[in-house]
Amino acid sequence: DVARYLFHHYGGDTNTITSEDLQESFERFRSVLYAAAQKIGLSGAVPTLHIGATLYSHLQWDRSRAYKANDVFDFDHAAAALPYFNAFATDGSLAALLRRSGLAAFYACAVLSSTAEILAWLERPASSA
């Protein structure tokens, strides 16, 4: 379905796609992803997958915290921020999970969960940026 969508989105006629074309497209995508994971690691090739899986697995081990429906959106926000930004402001429970899981340190992203932390991060010397 993704291959069909992309083909259509870029002007292709989806009626002309064969099952062999779809299989070849999937095989190429899998091969590129595998090569990237081999070269730079899965966390570098697909950080979204790495972050989501890590957060979900850590949440499963934390018996004191129940899974909430909103967690999936919080995990997506973290996955969008950690690999690409210097800082990420979020609520205390997600911040604690990001720190405890090691993801904040792994991606070298400051995880901020209070106004004081945010202000201190913004006011830090330029040399620590």
C-alpha atoms as a PDB file:
ATOM      1  CA  ASP A   1       0.000   0.000   0.000  1.00  0.00           C
ATOM      2  CA  VAL A   2       2.848   2.400   0.794  1.00  0.00           C
ATOM      3  CA  ALA A   3       4.529   1.676  -2.539  1.00  0.00           C
ATOM      4  CA  ARG A   4       1.229   2.199  -4.365  1.00  0.00           C
ATOM      5  CA  TYR A   5       0.613   5.465  -2.514  1.00  0.00           C
ATOM      6  CA  LEU A   6       4.087   6.820  -3.281  1.00  0.00           C
ATOM      7  CA  PHE A   7       3.859   5.730  -6.918  1.00  0.00           C
ATOM      8  CA  HIS A   8       0.499   7.511  -7.265  1.00  0.00           C
ATOM      9  CA  HIS A   9       1.687  10.555  -5.303  1.00  0.00           C
ATOM     10  CA  TYR A  10       4.553  11.078  -7.756  1.00  0.00           C
ATOM     11  CA  GLY A  11       2.337  10.823 -10.813  1.00  0.00           C
ATOM     12  CA  GLY A  12       2.325   7.112 -11.566  1.00  0.00           C
ATOM     13  CA  ASP A  13      -0.710   5.145 -12.672  1.00  0.00           C
ATOM     14  CA  THR A  14      -1.336   2.580  -9.950  1.00  0.00           C
ATOM     15  CA  ASN A  15      -3.242   0.393 -12.415  1.00  0.00           C
ATOM     16  CA  THR A  16       0.072  -0.399 -14.111  1.00  0.00           C
ATOM     17  CA  ILE A  17       1.787  -1.775 -10.974  1.00  0.00           C
ATOM     18  CA  THR A  18       2.215  -5.514 -10.925  1.00  0.00           C
ATOM     19  CA  SER A  19       2.706  -7.708  -7.874  1.00  0.00           C
ATOM     20  CA  GLU A  20       6.265  -8.309  -9.145  1.00  0.00           C
ATOM     21  CA  ASP A  21       6.877  -4.532  -9.172  1.00  0.00           C
ATOM     22  CA  LEU A  22       5.649  -4.285  -5.590  1.00  0.00           C
ATOM     23  CA  GLN A  23       7.840  -7.188  -4.490  1.00  0.00           C
ATOM     24  CA  GLU A  24      10.882  -5.680  -6.220  1.00  0.00           C
ATOM     25  CA  SER A  25      10.185  -2.301  -4.584  1.00  0.00           C
ATOM     26  CA  PHE A  26       9.912  -3.943  -1.176  1.00  0.00           C
ATOM     27  CA  GLU A  27      13.134  -5.904  -1.712  1.00  0.00           C
ATOM     28  CA  ARG A  28      15.009  -2.734  -2.721  1.00  0.00           C
ATOM     29  CA  PHE A  29      13.701  -0.838   0.288  1.00  0.00           C
ATOM     30  CA  ARG A  30      14.629  -3.698   2.619  1.00  0.00           C
ATOM     31  CA  SER A  31      18.090  -3.887   1.099  1.00  0.00           C
ATOM     32  CA  VAL A  32      18.703  -0.118   1.498  1.00  0.00           C
ATOM     33  CA  LEU A  33      17.463  -0.220   5.084  1.00  0.00           C
ATOM     34  CA  TYR A  34      19.615  -3.253   5.889  1.00  0.00           C
ATOM     35  CA  ALA A  35      22.713  -1.628   4.360  1.00  0.00           C
ATOM     36  CA  ALA A  36      22.126   1.560   6.335  1.00  0.00           C
ATOM     37  CA  ALA A  37      21.633  -0.394   9.558  1.00  0.00           C
ATOM     38  CA  GLN A  38      24.830  -2.350   8.882  1.00  0.00           C
ATOM     39  CA  LYS A  39      26.805   0.805   8.179  1.00  0.00           C
ATOM     40  CA  ILE A  40      25.553   3.170  10.882  1.00  0.00           C
ATOM     41  CA  GLY A  41      23.435   0.963  13.135  1.00  0.00           C
ATOM     42  CA  LEU A  42      19.697   0.706  13.469  1.00  0.00           C
ATOM     43  CA  SER A  43      19.510   3.670  15.838  1.00  0.00           C
ATOM     44  CA  GLY A  44      21.132   5.877  13.188  1.00  0.00           C
ATOM     45  CA  ALA A  45      19.320   4.412  10.194  1.00  0.00           C
ATOM     46  CA  VAL A  46      15.856   4.400  11.762  1.00  0.00           C
ATOM     47  CA  PRO A  47      15.922   6.469  14.948  1.00  0.00           C
ATOM     48  CA  THR A  48      12.128   6.569  15.097  1.00  0.00           C
ATOM     49  CA  LEU A  49      11.992   2.787  15.375  1.00  0.00           C
ATOM     50  CA  HIS A  50      14.834   2.724  17.904  1.00  0.00           C
ATOM     51  CA  ILE A  51      13.252   5.362  20.135  1.00  0.00           C
ATOM     52  CA  GLY A  52       9.724   3.968  19.955  1.00  0.00           C
ATOM     53  CA  ALA A  53      10.811   0.415  20.692  1.00  0.00           C
ATOM     54  CA  THR A  54      13.086   1.508  23.533  1.00  0.00           C
ATOM     55  CA  LEU A  55      10.421   3.650  25.194  1.00  0.00           C
ATOM     56  CA  TYR A  56       7.743   0.994  24.852  1.00  0.00           C
ATOM     57  CA  SER A  57      10.008  -1.713  26.270  1.00  0.00           C
ATOM     58  CA  HIS A  58      11.059   0.466  29.212  1.00  0.00           C
ATOM     59  CA  LEU A  59       7.430   1.304  29.899  1.00  0.00           C
ATOM     60  CA  GLN A  60       6.610  -2.412  30.020  1.00  0.00           C
ATOM     61  CA  TRP A  61       9.230  -2.955  32.738  1.00  0.00           C
ATOM     62  CA  ASP A  62       8.027  -0.047  34.870  1.00  0.00           C
ATOM     63  CA  ARG A  63       5.327  -1.712  36.968  1.00  0.00           C
ATOM     64  CA  SER A  64       4.548   1.563  38.772  1.00  0.00           C
ATOM     65  CA  ARG A  65       3.422   3.319  35.580  1.00  0.00           C
ATOM     66  CA  ALA A  66       0.405   2.239  33.578  1.00  0.00           C
ATOM     67  CA  TYR A  67       0.317   2.670  29.802  1.00  0.00           C
ATOM     68  CA  LYS A  68      -1.868   5.624  28.776  1.00  0.00           C
ATOM     69  CA  ALA A  69      -3.486   6.146  25.383  1.00  0.00           C
ATOM     70  CA  ASN A  70      -1.581   9.416  24.953  1.00  0.00           C
ATOM     71  CA  ASP A  71       1.800   7.663  25.388  1.00  0.00           C
ATOM     72  CA  VAL A  72       1.938   6.736  21.701  1.00  0.00           C
ATOM     73  CA  PHE A  73       1.771  10.434  20.767  1.00  0.00           C
ATOM     74  CA  ASP A  74       4.357  11.353  23.400  1.00  0.00           C
ATOM     75  CA  PHE A  75       6.683   8.661  22.039  1.00  0.00           C
ATOM     76  CA  ASP A  76       6.224  10.036  18.519  1.00  0.00           C
ATOM     77  CA  HIS A  77       7.113  13.546  19.708  1.00  0.00           C
ATOM     78  CA  ALA A  78      10.248  12.231  21.404  1.00  0.00           C
ATOM     79  CA  ALA A  79      11.199  10.272  18.278  1.00  0.00           C
ATOM     80  CA  ALA A  80      10.814  13.418  16.183  1.00  0.00           C
ATOM     81  CA  ALA A  81      12.959  15.522  18.534  1.00  0.00           C
ATOM     82  CA  LEU A  82      15.748  13.488  20.122  1.00  0.00           C
ATOM     83  CA  PRO A  83      17.828  12.632  17.026  1.00  0.00           C
ATOM     84  CA  TYR A  84      17.505  16.067  15.442  1.00  0.00           C
ATOM     85  CA  PHE A  85      17.393  18.739  18.168  1.00  0.00           C
ATOM     86  CA  ASN A  86      19.609  19.882  21.021  1.00  0.00           C
ATOM     87  CA  ALA A  87      16.742  20.013  23.544  1.00  0.00           C
ATOM     88  CA  PHE A  88      13.265  18.586  24.036  1.00  0.00           C
ATOM     89  CA  ALA A  89      10.733  19.967  26.540  1.00  0.00           C
ATOM     90  CA  THR A  90       8.115  17.530  27.776  1.00  0.00           C
ATOM     91  CA  ASP A  91       6.198  16.481  30.865  1.00  0.00           C
ATOM     92  CA  GLY A  92       7.919  14.981  33.876  1.00  0.00           C
ATOM     93  CA  SER A  93       6.928  11.350  33.352  1.00  0.00           C
ATOM     94  CA  LEU A  94       8.173  11.203  29.747  1.00  0.00           C
ATOM     95  CA  ALA A  95      11.313  13.136  30.691  1.00  0.00           C
ATOM     96  CA  ALA A  96      12.038  10.598  33.435  1.00  0.00           C
ATOM     97  CA  LEU A  97      11.466   7.726  30.993  1.00  0.00           C
ATOM     98  CA  LEU A  98      13.777   9.305  28.388  1.00  0.00           C
ATOM     99  CA  ARG A  99      16.526   9.788  30.950  1.00  0.00           C
ATOM    100  CA  ARG A 100      16.106   6.364  32.572  1.00  0.00           C
ATOM    101  CA  SER A 101      16.121   4.609  29.189  1.00  0.00           C
ATOM    102  CA  GLY A 102      19.377   6.320  28.215  1.00  0.00           C
ATOM    103  CA  LEU A 103      17.871   7.794  25.045  1.00  0.00           C
ATOM    104  CA  ALA A 104      18.486  11.406  26.081  1.00  0.00           C
ATOM    105  CA  ALA A 105      22.187  10.694  26.574  1.00  0.00           C
ATOM    106  CA  PHE A 106      22.441   8.457  23.488  1.00  0.00           C
ATOM    107  CA  TYR A 107      21.105  11.201  21.206  1.00  0.00           C
ATOM    108  CA  ALA A 108      22.831  13.998  23.209  1.00  0.00           C
ATOM    109  CA  CYS A 109      19.550  15.857  23.589  1.00  0.00           C
ATOM    110  CA  ALA A 110      18.762  17.810  26.740  1.00  0.00           C
ATOM    111  CA  VAL A 111      15.404  16.674  28.090  1.00  0.00           C
ATOM    112  CA  LEU A 112      13.680  19.480  29.959  1.00  0.00           C
ATOM    113  CA  SER A 113      10.571  19.077  32.076  1.00  0.00           C
ATOM    114  CA  SER A 114      10.136  22.278  34.060  1.00  0.00           C
ATOM    115  CA  THR A 115      10.098  25.991  33.441  1.00  0.00           C
ATOM    116  CA  ALA A 116      13.282  26.333  35.489  1.00  0.00           C
ATOM    117  CA  GLU A 117      15.084  23.718  33.352  1.00  0.00           C
ATOM    118  CA  ILE A 118      13.940  25.375  30.139  1.00  0.00           C
ATOM    119  CA  LEU A 119      15.039  28.834  31.292  1.00  0.00           C
ATOM    120  CA  ALA A 120      18.393  27.528  32.518  1.00  0.00           C
ATOM    121  CA  TRP A 121      18.957  25.787  29.178  1.00  0.00           C
ATOM    122  CA  LEU A 122      18.073  28.948  27.252  1.00  0.00           C
ATOM    123  CA  GLU A 123      20.333  31.092  29.436  1.00  0.00           C
ATOM    124  CA  ARG A 124      23.362  28.773  29.297  1.00  0.00           C
ATOM    125  CA  PRO A 125      26.576  30.199  27.841  1.00  0.00           C
ATOM    126  CA  ALA A 126      26.891  29.980  24.071  1.00  0.00           C
ATOM    127  CA  SER A 127      30.031  27.861  24.477  1.00  0.00           C
ATOM    128  CA  SER A 128      27.956  25.005  25.934  1.00  0.00           C
ATOM    129  CA  ALA A 129      25.553  24.959  22.975  1.00  0.00           C
END
